[in-house]
Amino acid sequence: MKYYVYDLDNTLHSPFECDDTEDEDKYYASFKKKHFLKHLMKHINHKQCIFTNGNYPHADLVLKKLGLRRLFPKNRVVSSDMFEYQYKPSPESYEKAIERFNISDDDEVYFFEDTLENLEAAKKLKWKTILVGDNSKTKEPYVDWKFRNIEEALLFFKIKEKFGKK
């Protein structure tokens, strides 16, 4: 089975899309629905999960604001508060995600993330690593692909599956 595991903050949305990170009300009010991203995700035929260092109330609210909440039931979200605040890149946090998402050694996992340290930890698990965001100019050996935004990444993989070599 193939999994698409997404980080939330600065991966499914850009920090430049949020007006004010100091004022919580303004921060959450600045999120806009991501209709194109939702359309792309609805047409992915793999298990999709959220793996975030944020807490669950934050993840739930951001997913609602982005218009993506229905795509990610609670059993497809791992947040730091679910497991005694185990944060990426700690190996324990990845173990919790693997357990919660029922990922086996035979599964192929694509991990979309904006933080290099978290991708390096994922690569040790033999996950495919996709760097999303401003760091896309880096040349780290543990990064398999780099994209400016999540929509670009998902389009690439959709086209690759449709027209790439089998």
N, C-alpha and C. Protein backbone atom coordinates (compact mmCIF):
# COMPACT_ATOMS: atom_id res chain seq x y z
N MET A 1 0.83 -1.17 0.00
CA MET A 1 0.00 0.00 0.00
C MET A 1 0.89 1.24 0.00
N LYS A 2 0.36 2.31 -0.59
CA LYS A 2 1.09 3.57 -0.66
C LYS A 2 0.41 4.59 0.25
N TYR A 3 1.23 5.31 1.01
CA TYR A 3 0.76 6.35 1.92
C TYR A 3 1.34 7.70 1.50
N TYR A 4 0.52 8.73 1.58
CA TYR A 4 0.98 10.11 1.50
C TYR A 4 0.80 10.69 2.89
N VAL A 5 1.91 10.99 3.54
CA VAL A 5 1.88 11.55 4.89
C VAL A 5 2.33 13.00 4.79
N TYR A 6 1.47 13.89 5.28
CA TYR A 6 1.73 15.32 5.16
C TYR A 6 1.99 15.95 6.53
N ASP A 7 3.01 16.78 6.58
CA ASP A 7 3.13 17.72 7.68
C ASP A 7 2.03 18.77 7.45
N LEU A 8 1.66 19.50 8.47
CA LEU A 8 0.60 20.49 8.33
C LEU A 8 1.14 21.90 8.11
N ASP A 9 1.74 22.46 9.15
CA ASP A 9 2.17 23.86 9.11
C ASP A 9 3.37 24.04 8.19
N ASN A 10 3.26 25.01 7.32
CA ASN A 10 4.28 25.37 6.34
C ASN A 10 4.48 24.29 5.26
N THR A 11 3.58 23.32 5.22
CA THR A 11 3.59 22.31 4.16
C THR A 11 2.27 22.34 3.41
N LEU A 12 1.16 22.14 4.11
CA LEU A 12 -0.15 22.24 3.45
C LEU A 12 -0.57 23.69 3.27
N HIS A 13 0.04 24.56 3.99
CA HIS A 13 -0.17 26.00 3.79
C HIS A 13 1.17 26.69 3.97
N SER A 14 1.31 27.83 3.36
CA SER A 14 2.55 28.58 3.43
C SER A 14 2.48 29.59 4.57
N PRO A 15 3.61 29.86 5.22
CA PRO A 15 3.60 30.89 6.27
C PRO A 15 3.24 32.26 5.70
N PHE A 16 3.42 32.46 4.41
CA PHE A 16 3.12 33.74 3.78
C PHE A 16 1.62 33.93 3.56
N GLU A 17 0.84 32.85 3.74
CA GLU A 17 -0.61 32.94 3.59
C GLU A 17 -1.27 33.44 4.86
N CYS A 18 -0.54 33.50 5.96
CA CYS A 18 -1.09 33.91 7.25
C CYS A 18 -0.60 35.32 7.57
N ASP A 19 -1.54 36.19 7.91
CA ASP A 19 -1.21 37.60 8.10
C ASP A 19 -0.46 37.89 9.39
N ASP A 20 -0.89 37.31 10.49
CA ASP A 20 -0.37 37.72 11.79
C ASP A 20 -0.22 36.48 12.67
N THR A 21 1.02 36.09 12.95
CA THR A 21 1.24 34.91 13.78
C THR A 21 1.25 35.23 15.27
N GLU A 22 1.28 36.52 15.63
CA GLU A 22 1.28 36.91 17.04
C GLU A 22 -0.12 36.90 17.64
N ASP A 23 -1.10 37.31 16.88
CA ASP A 23 -2.48 37.36 17.35
C ASP A 23 -3.20 36.10 16.85
N GLU A 24 -3.55 35.21 17.78
CA GLU A 24 -4.13 33.91 17.41
C GLU A 24 -5.41 34.06 16.59
N ASP A 25 -6.28 34.99 16.96
CA ASP A 25 -7.53 35.18 16.21
C ASP A 25 -7.25 35.63 14.78
N LYS A 26 -6.35 36.59 14.62
CA LYS A 26 -6.01 37.06 13.27
C LYS A 26 -5.31 35.96 12.48
N TYR A 27 -4.47 35.20 13.16
CA TYR A 27 -3.75 34.10 12.50
C TYR A 27 -4.73 33.11 11.88
N TYR A 28 -5.67 32.60 12.68
CA TYR A 28 -6.61 31.62 12.16
C TYR A 28 -7.60 32.23 11.18
N ALA A 29 -7.94 33.50 11.37
CA ALA A 29 -8.87 34.16 10.44
C ALA A 29 -8.24 34.37 9.07
N SER A 30 -6.91 34.39 9.00
CA SER A 30 -6.23 34.67 7.73
C SER A 30 -6.18 33.46 6.79
N PHE A 31 -6.50 32.26 7.29
CA PHE A 31 -6.48 31.09 6.44
C PHE A 31 -7.61 31.15 5.42
N LYS A 32 -7.32 30.73 4.21
CA LYS A 32 -8.31 30.68 3.14
C LYS A 32 -8.50 29.22 2.71
N LYS A 33 -9.67 28.92 2.23
CA LYS A 33 -9.94 27.57 1.70
C LYS A 33 -9.01 27.32 0.53
N LYS A 34 -8.52 26.10 0.44
CA LYS A 34 -7.61 25.72 -0.64
C LYS A 34 -8.36 24.74 -1.57
N HIS A 35 -9.16 25.30 -2.44
CA HIS A 35 -10.03 24.50 -3.30
C HIS A 35 -9.23 23.60 -4.25
N PHE A 36 -8.18 24.14 -4.84
CA PHE A 36 -7.39 23.34 -5.77
C PHE A 36 -6.70 22.19 -5.05
N LEU A 37 -6.14 22.47 -3.88
CA LEU A 37 -5.49 21.41 -3.09
C LEU A 37 -6.51 20.34 -2.72
N LYS A 38 -7.68 20.75 -2.29
CA LYS A 38 -8.73 19.79 -1.95
C LYS A 38 -9.08 18.91 -3.16
N HIS A 39 -9.21 19.52 -4.32
CA HIS A 39 -9.51 18.77 -5.54
C HIS A 39 -8.40 17.75 -5.83
N LEU A 40 -7.15 18.18 -5.72
CA LEU A 40 -6.03 17.26 -5.95
C LEU A 40 -6.08 16.09 -4.97
N MET A 41 -6.26 16.39 -3.70
CA MET A 41 -6.25 15.36 -2.66
C MET A 41 -7.42 14.38 -2.82
N LYS A 42 -8.55 14.87 -3.27
CA LYS A 42 -9.71 14.00 -3.46
C LYS A 42 -9.46 12.96 -4.57
N HIS A 43 -8.51 13.25 -5.45
CA HIS A 43 -8.23 12.35 -6.56
C HIS A 43 -6.95 11.55 -6.38
N ILE A 44 -6.48 11.47 -5.17
CA ILE A 44 -5.31 10.63 -4.85
C ILE A 44 -5.83 9.31 -4.33
N ASN A 45 -5.36 8.24 -4.91
CA ASN A 45 -5.87 6.91 -4.58
C ASN A 45 -4.98 6.18 -3.57
N HIS A 46 -4.41 6.92 -2.65
CA HIS A 46 -3.56 6.34 -1.61
C HIS A 46 -4.08 6.82 -0.27
N LYS A 47 -3.67 6.13 0.79
CA LYS A 47 -4.03 6.62 2.13
C LYS A 47 -3.30 7.93 2.37
N GLN A 48 -4.04 8.92 2.86
CA GLN A 48 -3.47 10.22 3.16
C GLN A 48 -3.62 10.51 4.64
N CYS A 49 -2.54 10.99 5.25
CA CYS A 49 -2.52 11.21 6.70
C CYS A 49 -1.80 12.52 7.01
N ILE A 50 -2.11 13.06 8.18
CA ILE A 50 -1.45 14.27 8.69
C ILE A 50 -0.56 13.85 9.87
N PHE A 51 0.68 14.32 9.87
CA PHE A 51 1.65 14.06 10.93
C PHE A 51 2.25 15.41 11.31
N THR A 52 1.78 15.99 12.42
CA THR A 52 2.16 17.35 12.77
C THR A 52 2.72 17.46 14.18
N ASN A 53 3.61 18.42 14.37
CA ASN A 53 4.10 18.75 15.71
C ASN A 53 3.12 19.65 16.45
N GLY A 54 2.11 20.15 15.76
CA GLY A 54 1.08 20.94 16.41
C GLY A 54 0.17 20.03 17.23
N ASN A 55 -0.66 20.64 18.07
CA ASN A 55 -1.61 19.82 18.84
C ASN A 55 -2.87 19.56 18.01
N TYR A 56 -3.72 18.65 18.49
CA TYR A 56 -4.88 18.27 17.70
C TYR A 56 -5.88 19.42 17.50
N PRO A 57 -6.19 20.22 18.51
CA PRO A 57 -7.11 21.34 18.26
C PRO A 57 -6.60 22.28 17.16
N HIS A 58 -5.29 22.52 17.14
CA HIS A 58 -4.69 23.35 16.08
C HIS A 58 -4.86 22.67 14.72
N ALA A 59 -4.51 21.39 14.64
CA ALA A 59 -4.63 20.65 13.37
C ALA A 59 -6.06 20.65 12.88
N ASP A 60 -6.99 20.38 13.76
CA ASP A 60 -8.40 20.34 13.41
C ASP A 60 -8.87 21.68 12.86
N LEU A 61 -8.51 22.76 13.53
CA LEU A 61 -8.94 24.10 13.11
C LEU A 61 -8.30 24.49 11.77
N VAL A 62 -7.01 24.23 11.61
CA VAL A 62 -6.34 24.58 10.35
C VAL A 62 -6.95 23.77 9.20
N LEU A 63 -7.18 22.48 9.40
CA LEU A 63 -7.78 21.67 8.34
C LEU A 63 -9.18 22.19 7.98
N LYS A 64 -9.96 22.60 8.98
CA LYS A 64 -11.28 23.19 8.71
C LYS A 64 -11.14 24.48 7.91
N LYS A 65 -10.23 25.35 8.33
CA LYS A 65 -10.05 26.63 7.65
C LYS A 65 -9.60 26.44 6.20
N LEU A 66 -8.77 25.43 5.96
CA LEU A 66 -8.28 25.15 4.61
C LEU A 66 -9.33 24.42 3.76
N GLY A 67 -10.39 23.94 4.39
CA GLY A 67 -11.42 23.19 3.68
C GLY A 67 -11.06 21.74 3.45
N LEU A 68 -10.15 21.21 4.25
CA LEU A 68 -9.63 19.85 4.07
C LEU A 68 -10.06 18.89 5.17
N ARG A 69 -10.83 19.35 6.14
CA ARG A 69 -11.12 18.55 7.33
C ARG A 69 -11.73 17.19 7.02
N ARG A 70 -12.67 17.14 6.10
CA ARG A 70 -13.36 15.87 5.79
C ARG A 70 -12.44 14.83 5.15
N LEU A 71 -11.33 15.27 4.61
CA LEU A 71 -10.39 14.34 3.99
C LEU A 71 -9.54 13.60 5.02
N PHE A 72 -9.52 14.11 6.26
CA PHE A 72 -8.64 13.55 7.28
C PHE A 72 -9.41 13.26 8.57
N PRO A 73 -10.06 12.08 8.65
CA PRO A 73 -10.72 11.72 9.91
C PRO A 73 -9.68 11.63 11.03
N LYS A 74 -10.13 11.67 12.26
CA LYS A 74 -9.22 11.73 13.41
C LYS A 74 -8.19 10.58 13.40
N ASN A 75 -8.57 9.40 12.92
CA ASN A 75 -7.62 8.29 12.90
C ASN A 75 -6.54 8.44 11.83
N ARG A 76 -6.63 9.49 11.02
CA ARG A 76 -5.61 9.76 10.02
C ARG A 76 -4.81 11.02 10.36
N VAL A 77 -4.86 11.39 11.63
CA VAL A 77 -4.10 12.56 12.10
C VAL A 77 -3.28 12.14 13.31
N VAL A 78 -1.99 12.44 13.27
CA VAL A 78 -1.12 12.28 14.44
C VAL A 78 -0.61 13.66 14.81
N SER A 79 -0.91 14.07 16.04
CA SER A 79 -0.45 15.36 16.56
C SER A 79 0.37 15.11 17.82
N SER A 80 1.16 16.09 18.17
CA SER A 80 2.10 15.92 19.28
C SER A 80 1.40 15.62 20.60
N ASP A 81 0.21 16.15 20.82
CA ASP A 81 -0.46 15.95 22.10
C ASP A 81 -1.11 14.57 22.24
N MET A 82 -1.19 13.82 21.15
CA MET A 82 -1.79 12.49 21.21
C MET A 82 -0.88 11.47 21.90
N PHE A 83 0.41 11.75 21.90
CA PHE A 83 1.37 10.78 22.42
C PHE A 83 2.41 11.46 23.28
N GLU A 84 1.96 12.07 24.36
CA GLU A 84 2.86 12.67 25.35
C GLU A 84 3.84 13.66 24.73
N TYR A 85 3.36 14.43 23.78
CA TYR A 85 4.15 15.47 23.14
C TYR A 85 5.49 14.96 22.61
N GLN A 86 5.39 13.91 21.81
CA GLN A 86 6.56 13.42 21.07
C GLN A 86 6.63 14.23 19.77
N TYR A 87 7.68 14.99 19.60
CA TYR A 87 7.80 15.86 18.43
C TYR A 87 8.73 15.25 17.40
N LYS A 88 8.41 15.51 16.12
CA LYS A 88 9.35 15.19 15.06
C LYS A 88 10.59 16.05 15.31
N PRO A 89 11.76 15.61 15.13
CA PRO A 89 12.19 14.38 14.48
C PRO A 89 12.50 13.21 15.43
N SER A 90 11.95 13.20 16.62
CA SER A 90 12.26 12.09 17.53
C SER A 90 11.77 10.76 16.94
N PRO A 91 12.57 9.72 17.04
CA PRO A 91 12.16 8.41 16.51
C PRO A 91 10.83 7.93 17.10
N GLU A 92 10.57 8.28 18.36
CA GLU A 92 9.33 7.86 19.01
C GLU A 92 8.10 8.44 18.30
N SER A 93 8.21 9.66 17.83
CA SER A 93 7.06 10.28 17.14
C SER A 93 6.77 9.53 15.84
N TYR A 94 7.80 9.12 15.13
CA TYR A 94 7.60 8.37 13.89
C TYR A 94 7.02 6.99 14.19
N GLU A 95 7.49 6.37 15.27
CA GLU A 95 6.93 5.07 15.67
C GLU A 95 5.44 5.19 15.96
N LYS A 96 5.04 6.26 16.62
CA LYS A 96 3.62 6.48 16.93
C LYS A 96 2.81 6.67 15.64
N ALA A 97 3.36 7.41 14.70
CA ALA A 97 2.67 7.62 13.42
C ALA A 97 2.53 6.30 12.67
N ILE A 98 3.59 5.52 12.63
CA ILE A 98 3.56 4.22 11.94
C ILE A 98 2.49 3.33 12.57
N GLU A 99 2.45 3.32 13.87
CA GLU A 99 1.47 2.50 14.59
C GLU A 99 0.04 2.99 14.32
N ARG A 100 -0.18 4.28 14.46
CA ARG A 100 -1.53 4.84 14.28
C ARG A 100 -2.06 4.67 12.86
N PHE A 101 -1.18 4.83 11.87
CA PHE A 101 -1.59 4.73 10.48
C PHE A 101 -1.53 3.30 9.94
N ASN A 102 -1.08 2.37 10.77
CA ASN A 102 -0.95 0.96 10.37
C ASN A 102 -0.02 0.78 9.17
N ILE A 103 1.10 1.46 9.21
CA ILE A 103 2.09 1.35 8.14
C ILE A 103 2.95 0.12 8.40
N SER A 104 3.10 -0.71 7.38
CA SER A 104 3.94 -1.90 7.53
C SER A 104 5.25 -1.70 6.76
N ASP A 105 6.18 -2.62 6.96
CA ASP A 105 7.48 -2.53 6.29
C ASP A 105 7.35 -2.62 4.77
N ASP A 106 6.30 -3.25 4.29
CA ASP A 106 6.09 -3.40 2.85
C ASP A 106 5.45 -2.18 2.20
N ASP A 107 4.95 -1.28 3.01
CA ASP A 107 4.27 -0.11 2.47
C ASP A 107 5.27 0.92 1.96
N GLU A 108 4.82 1.70 0.99
CA GLU A 108 5.61 2.78 0.42
C GLU A 108 5.06 4.09 0.99
N VAL A 109 5.91 4.84 1.68
CA VAL A 109 5.46 6.07 2.35
C VAL A 109 6.15 7.27 1.71
N TYR A 110 5.34 8.23 1.28
CA TYR A 110 5.80 9.50 0.75
C TYR A 110 5.52 10.55 1.81
N PHE A 111 6.56 11.21 2.27
CA PHE A 111 6.44 12.16 3.37
C PHE A 111 6.69 13.58 2.87
N PHE A 112 5.67 14.42 2.94
CA PHE A 112 5.71 15.80 2.49
C PHE A 112 5.94 16.69 3.71
N GLU A 113 7.04 17.44 3.72
CA GLU A 113 7.48 18.13 4.95
C GLU A 113 8.31 19.34 4.55
N ASP A 114 8.30 20.38 5.41
CA ASP A 114 9.08 21.59 5.15
C ASP A 114 10.38 21.65 5.96
N THR A 115 10.59 20.74 6.89
CA THR A 115 11.75 20.81 7.79
C THR A 115 12.76 19.71 7.46
N LEU A 116 13.98 20.11 7.21
CA LEU A 116 15.01 19.16 6.79
C LEU A 116 15.27 18.08 7.83
N GLU A 117 15.33 18.44 9.11
CA GLU A 117 15.60 17.44 10.15
C GLU A 117 14.52 16.35 10.18
N ASN A 118 13.29 16.75 9.93
CA ASN A 118 12.20 15.77 9.93
C ASN A 118 12.28 14.84 8.72
N LEU A 119 12.74 15.37 7.60
CA LEU A 119 12.93 14.54 6.41
C LEU A 119 14.09 13.58 6.59
N GLU A 120 15.14 14.04 7.25
CA GLU A 120 16.29 13.17 7.50
C GLU A 120 15.87 11.99 8.38
N ALA A 121 15.06 12.24 9.39
CA ALA A 121 14.57 11.16 10.25
C ALA A 121 13.69 10.20 9.46
N ALA A 122 12.85 10.72 8.59
CA ALA A 122 11.97 9.88 7.76
C ALA A 122 12.78 9.02 6.79
N LYS A 123 13.84 9.56 6.26
CA LYS A 123 14.68 8.82 5.30
C LYS A 123 15.31 7.60 5.98
N LYS A 124 15.61 7.69 7.26
CA LYS A 124 16.17 6.55 7.99
C LYS A 124 15.17 5.41 8.07
N LEU A 125 13.88 5.73 7.90
CA LEU A 125 12.83 4.71 7.90
C LEU A 125 12.54 4.20 6.48
N LYS A 126 13.34 4.69 5.52
CA LYS A 126 13.19 4.33 4.11
C LYS A 126 11.93 4.94 3.49
N TRP A 127 11.45 6.03 4.07
CA TRP A 127 10.34 6.76 3.48
C TRP A 127 10.87 7.60 2.32
N LYS A 128 10.04 7.85 1.33
CA LYS A 128 10.36 8.78 0.24
C LYS A 128 10.15 10.18 0.80
N THR A 129 11.12 11.05 0.61
CA THR A 129 11.08 12.36 1.26
C THR A 129 10.87 13.48 0.24
N ILE A 130 9.90 14.33 0.54
CA ILE A 130 9.55 15.43 -0.35
C ILE A 130 9.63 16.73 0.45
N LEU A 131 10.55 17.58 0.10
CA LEU A 131 10.72 18.87 0.75
C LEU A 131 9.79 19.88 0.07
N VAL A 132 8.97 20.54 0.87
CA VAL A 132 8.00 21.50 0.35
C VAL A 132 8.30 22.86 0.98
N GLY A 133 8.43 23.89 0.14
CA GLY A 133 8.57 25.24 0.67
C GLY A 133 9.86 25.93 0.33
N ASP A 134 10.22 26.89 1.17
CA ASP A 134 11.34 27.78 0.91
C ASP A 134 12.70 27.10 0.83
N ASN A 135 12.86 25.97 1.48
CA ASN A 135 14.16 25.28 1.47
C ASN A 135 14.39 24.49 0.19
N SER A 136 13.57 24.70 -0.83
CA SER A 136 13.62 23.84 -2.01
C SER A 136 14.93 23.96 -2.81
N LYS A 137 15.81 24.85 -2.43
CA LYS A 137 17.10 24.98 -3.12
C LYS A 137 18.19 24.09 -2.51
N THR A 138 17.91 23.46 -1.39
CA THR A 138 18.91 22.66 -0.70
C THR A 138 19.30 21.42 -1.50
N LYS A 139 20.47 20.87 -1.20
CA LYS A 139 20.95 19.67 -1.89
C LYS A 139 21.32 18.60 -0.88
N GLU A 140 20.42 18.27 -0.01
CA GLU A 140 20.67 17.26 1.00
C GLU A 140 20.43 15.87 0.41
N PRO A 141 21.29 14.89 0.74
CA PRO A 141 21.15 13.55 0.15
C PRO A 141 19.90 12.80 0.63
N TYR A 142 19.30 13.22 1.71
CA TYR A 142 18.12 12.52 2.23
C TYR A 142 16.81 13.12 1.70
N VAL A 143 16.90 14.08 0.79
CA VAL A 143 15.71 14.67 0.17
C VAL A 143 15.59 14.10 -1.24
N ASP A 144 14.48 13.39 -1.50
CA ASP A 144 14.27 12.78 -2.80
C ASP A 144 13.74 13.76 -3.84
N TRP A 145 12.80 14.62 -3.45
CA TRP A 145 12.21 15.61 -4.34
C TRP A 145 12.04 16.93 -3.60
N LYS A 146 12.01 18.04 -4.36
CA LYS A 146 11.82 19.36 -3.78
C LYS A 146 10.80 20.13 -4.61
N PHE A 147 9.89 20.81 -3.91
CA PHE A 147 8.85 21.60 -4.58
C PHE A 147 8.60 22.88 -3.80
N ARG A 148 8.17 23.90 -4.50
CA ARG A 148 7.88 25.18 -3.85
C ARG A 148 6.62 25.12 -3.02
N ASN A 149 5.65 24.30 -3.42
CA ASN A 149 4.41 24.20 -2.67
C ASN A 149 3.81 22.81 -2.83
N ILE A 150 2.82 22.51 -2.01
CA ILE A 150 2.24 21.17 -1.98
C ILE A 150 1.47 20.87 -3.26
N GLU A 151 0.81 21.86 -3.83
CA GLU A 151 0.06 21.63 -5.06
C GLU A 151 0.98 21.19 -6.19
N GLU A 152 2.12 21.84 -6.31
CA GLU A 152 3.10 21.47 -7.33
C GLU A 152 3.58 20.03 -7.11
N ALA A 153 3.81 19.67 -5.87
CA ALA A 153 4.28 18.32 -5.55
C ALA A 153 3.22 17.28 -5.93
N LEU A 154 1.98 17.52 -5.54
CA LEU A 154 0.93 16.54 -5.83
C LEU A 154 0.65 16.43 -7.32
N LEU A 155 0.71 17.53 -8.03
CA LEU A 155 0.57 17.47 -9.49
C LEU A 155 1.67 16.62 -10.11
N PHE A 156 2.88 16.81 -9.66
CA PHE A 156 4.01 16.03 -10.17
C PHE A 156 3.77 14.54 -9.98
N PHE A 157 3.38 14.14 -8.76
CA PHE A 157 3.20 12.71 -8.50
C PHE A 157 1.98 12.15 -9.23
N LYS A 158 0.96 12.94 -9.41
CA LYS A 158 -0.22 12.50 -10.16
C LYS A 158 0.16 12.24 -11.62
N ILE A 159 0.89 13.15 -12.20
CA ILE A 159 1.34 13.00 -13.59
C ILE A 159 2.32 11.84 -13.71
N LYS A 160 3.21 11.72 -12.75
CA LYS A 160 4.20 10.63 -12.75
C LYS A 160 3.49 9.26 -12.70
N GLU A 161 2.46 9.15 -11.88
CA GLU A 161 1.71 7.89 -11.80
C GLU A 161 0.96 7.60 -13.10
N LYS A 162 0.41 8.63 -13.69
CA LYS A 162 -0.40 8.44 -14.90
C LYS A 162 0.45 8.13 -16.12
N PHE A 163 1.59 8.83 -16.26
CA PHE A 163 2.36 8.71 -17.48
C PHE A 163 3.77 8.16 -17.29
N GLY A 164 4.19 7.96 -16.03
CA GLY A 164 5.54 7.46 -15.77
C GLY A 164 5.68 5.99 -16.06
N LYS A 165 6.89 5.52 -15.98
CA LYS A 165 7.16 4.10 -16.19
C LYS A 165 6.52 3.27 -15.09
N LYS A 166 6.00 2.16 -15.44
CA LYS A 166 5.34 1.25 -14.47
C LYS A 166 6.35 0.38 -13.78
